[in-house]
Amino acid sequence: MARKTDIPPSYYGEPRKFDPGFRGPIHNRGCTDVVCCVVFVIFILGYIALGTVAWIHGDPRKVVYPTDSHGQFCGQQGTPNANKAILFYFNILQCANPAVLINLQCPTTQLCVSKCPDRFATYLDMQYNYRYNKSYWEYYRQFCKPGFDNPRKSVAQVLRDEDCPSMIVPSRPFLQRCFPDFITRNGTLTVANKTVFKDGLGKTRSVIDLRDAAKDSNLEPRVNWTAIAGRVTAMQQGVESGITSLLDAKEVGMKIFEDYANSWYWILIGLVITMVVSLAFILLLRFTAGVLLWLIIFGVIAVVGYGIWHCYWEFSTLRGKPHGDGDVTISDIGFQTDFRVYLQLSQTWLIFMISLSVIEAVIIIILIFLRRRVRIAIALLKEGSRAIGYIMSTLFYPIITFVLLAICIAYWAVTAVFLASSGDAVYKVMSTPDKCVYANLTCDPETFSQTNVTKVCPGSQCTFAFYGGETLYHRYIFVLQLCNLLVFLWLVNFTIALGQCTLAGAFASYYWALRKPQDIPSCPLFSSFSRAVRYHTGSLAFGSLILAVVQMFRIVLEYLDHKLKGAHNAFARFLICCLKCCFWCLEHFIKFMNRNAYIMIAIYGKNFCTSAKDAFFLLMRNVVRVAVLDKVTDFLLFLGKVLISGSVGVLAFFFFTRKIPVIQEEVPSLNYYWVPLLTVIFGSYLIAHGFFNVYAMCVDTLFLCFLVDLEVNSGSAARPFYMSSTLRQILDKKNSKRRKDKRERGR
């Protein structure tokens, strides 16, 4: 069978021609992809201009505070509503769905109040009791419009002018809005543990009556009681749970904050321990990579072998039963939801045994034929650890990437908030009659009472709807949000690309040093960063833009998929699913190619397309080695991250639960020990992930350098191999005696 190296070079691209003057990353290089660099700079300037315009027109208060029917904020300091932080709805039944409460405006008057109602009351009851006790009006008036002080005004006039609510019900604050206290008891919907209440007309109603209200022709036709009751029944469980959680959130939040205040010192100690352990693990991989990998491989073989034996034992036991289930087949019992039924069949264990035997055979065959490539992968892992040992500063470069990403995320979030809150208050005609011709039209609250709308649609009102405008800027807010997202993705990918190119240049300087560490240039990380920014900003921006566009398409597809979840068009859902799968694969392929293209850019200083082409054909000429190294590296790094975060997590668990007698007295008093514990585990995983990303980049860079070295050099005095002696022994390669002696003395 022909090897990959036996395939004609033209099939996967011509090998790179030997450059006798090449000694590592080229220093005398020119700028690449200048046009894309200019476009990138223009987009950044436009992004700054977009943020400035959004800052001028936006107002984050529109997002933070709820807004009443007149467009005034609830709870904002320095306004008449400073002490009224909760939004109250005159007729909550007209907007019973919580999604309407939070996102849309209901066709009812909305008022800022200091607290929600805590009792049942109607305007009729208030007028009746007001004659005997003035306090009834004092309580009820706080839910009426400011300035209204006429409790003797008739119900018809009050409802017409929307001066007061027709009724109030016990409510709880939910997302700064008063929401009725819905509770279900034994399948029956209640409000504050009551199944009956009086509506605004003084009639006693129940939830069952509301469901049947559509059948009664004497009911007020403006309200669809059946629809409201159905929606209330469907949502009340979630609302009750949400309200309860919200009421407890402040207390829980204070306890969590107190735990952080008492344990932050020990959390930092845990994260420092993680940094030290991660660094030590990477440095020790040069000695333990081979042992760990072979232990894992033989461990997998042993586990699969035990599985084969266990399946055979179960199969023999079931077959040996005289009248058991051994003779029953899977086709006899058909499909069963309880999968334990299948475990009682001998045929099931036979299938398991055959499957595991095939897997075992495949693993053994792969190891036999790929043993040399596995040894190359192990040698490169060890070489990566040695390279990081010489260039320790690379382990701390992720801090720069983190800071740049934090700036990008913060700028995008602030710009998105200001864009979303841009515009002036827009008022719409809100009318309960469904057939009002003026419904949802723009109106002016100051002149609304003088228009013909109130005569044609009695009971309608001019209510605040949203913030917007009729200018060109306001009409294209959505487009600007998309631009904000696209440039954000571009900047994030560019930041990651800059880090990859910088690290690749530093590690390539290590590989192409003939004598290590004597020939390694001083400050390789800073030199690589300078070259990447000065010469290859355009190339990095080009690759980042391609990836950002694909990610943008994925986000749009996710949005469409979310909108089509309730659709009955099976073909549309299938098409969206296929597109999501294709773009997911495309995104990961582009990430892989960009990563290798940036390595080639860091080494040879060519433009993005040429570097991507060279990297692609180089990898295709060594596709088996690529697959083996990729899987071996991914598995070892994943194992290292889980091992480090898990070990530090176990140590933190024993510490915060006072199970270490030596330092038991030093443990702070905590409300929830899992707060610092989860923080330490999550932080440890992120720190280990940052360290091991550098290590993965190191191995990938050394791998590409190794492939180039293998193609362009022959081991002669003029063209010596730059790879380590271990790699040369695995490949049975040798350098000439004179060059070899110099290299060995350097090592």
Foldseek 3Di string as FASTA:
>chain_A
DDDLLRPDCVVLHNFDAFDLPAQWFDDPFFFFLVVLLVVLVVLVVVLVVLLVVLVVFFDLQPVLFDAWFVRDGACDPPDPNVQFRAKEWLDCLQPQAVVCVPPWDGQTGIDGANAADAAKDFLVRLLVCCVPPVVSCVVQQRQFDPPDDDSPDDLVVCLQVVGGRRIGAGFFGFSRYTHFQWDADPNAIDTPPDQWGAGSVRDIDGLVCLLVVVVDPPDDVLHNSNVSSVSCSVCVVVVNVRRVCVVCVVVVVVQLVVQCVFCVVVLVVLLVVLLVVLLVVLLCLLPCVVVVVVVVLVVVLVVLVVLLVVLVVLLVVLCPDPPFQAVPDQVNVDDDPPCVVVSSYSVSSVVSNVVSVVVSVVSVVCCVVCVLLLLVLSNLSSVLSVLCVQVVVLLVCVVVLVVQLVVLVVSLVSSLSSLQRGAAWWWAKRASPPPQPRGRPTDDQVCVVVDCSCVSGRSIHTGTIGGADDDPSRVCSVVVNLSSQLSSQLSNQLSVLLSLLLLLLQLSLVLSQLFPPVSRDPPRSVSSSCCCVPRPSSQSSVLSNVLSVLVSVLVVLVVVLVVCVPPPPPVVNVVSVVVNVVSVVVNVVSVVLSSQLSSQCSTHVHHSVVSSSSSSSLCSSVVVSVVSSVVSLVVVLVVVLCVSLVVSLVVLVCQQVQVPVVCSVVHTDHPDSVSSSVSSSVSSSVSSVSSSVSSVSSSSSSVSVQSSLVSHAQQEPSGRRSDDPSSCVSVVGHHDPVSVVSRVVSD
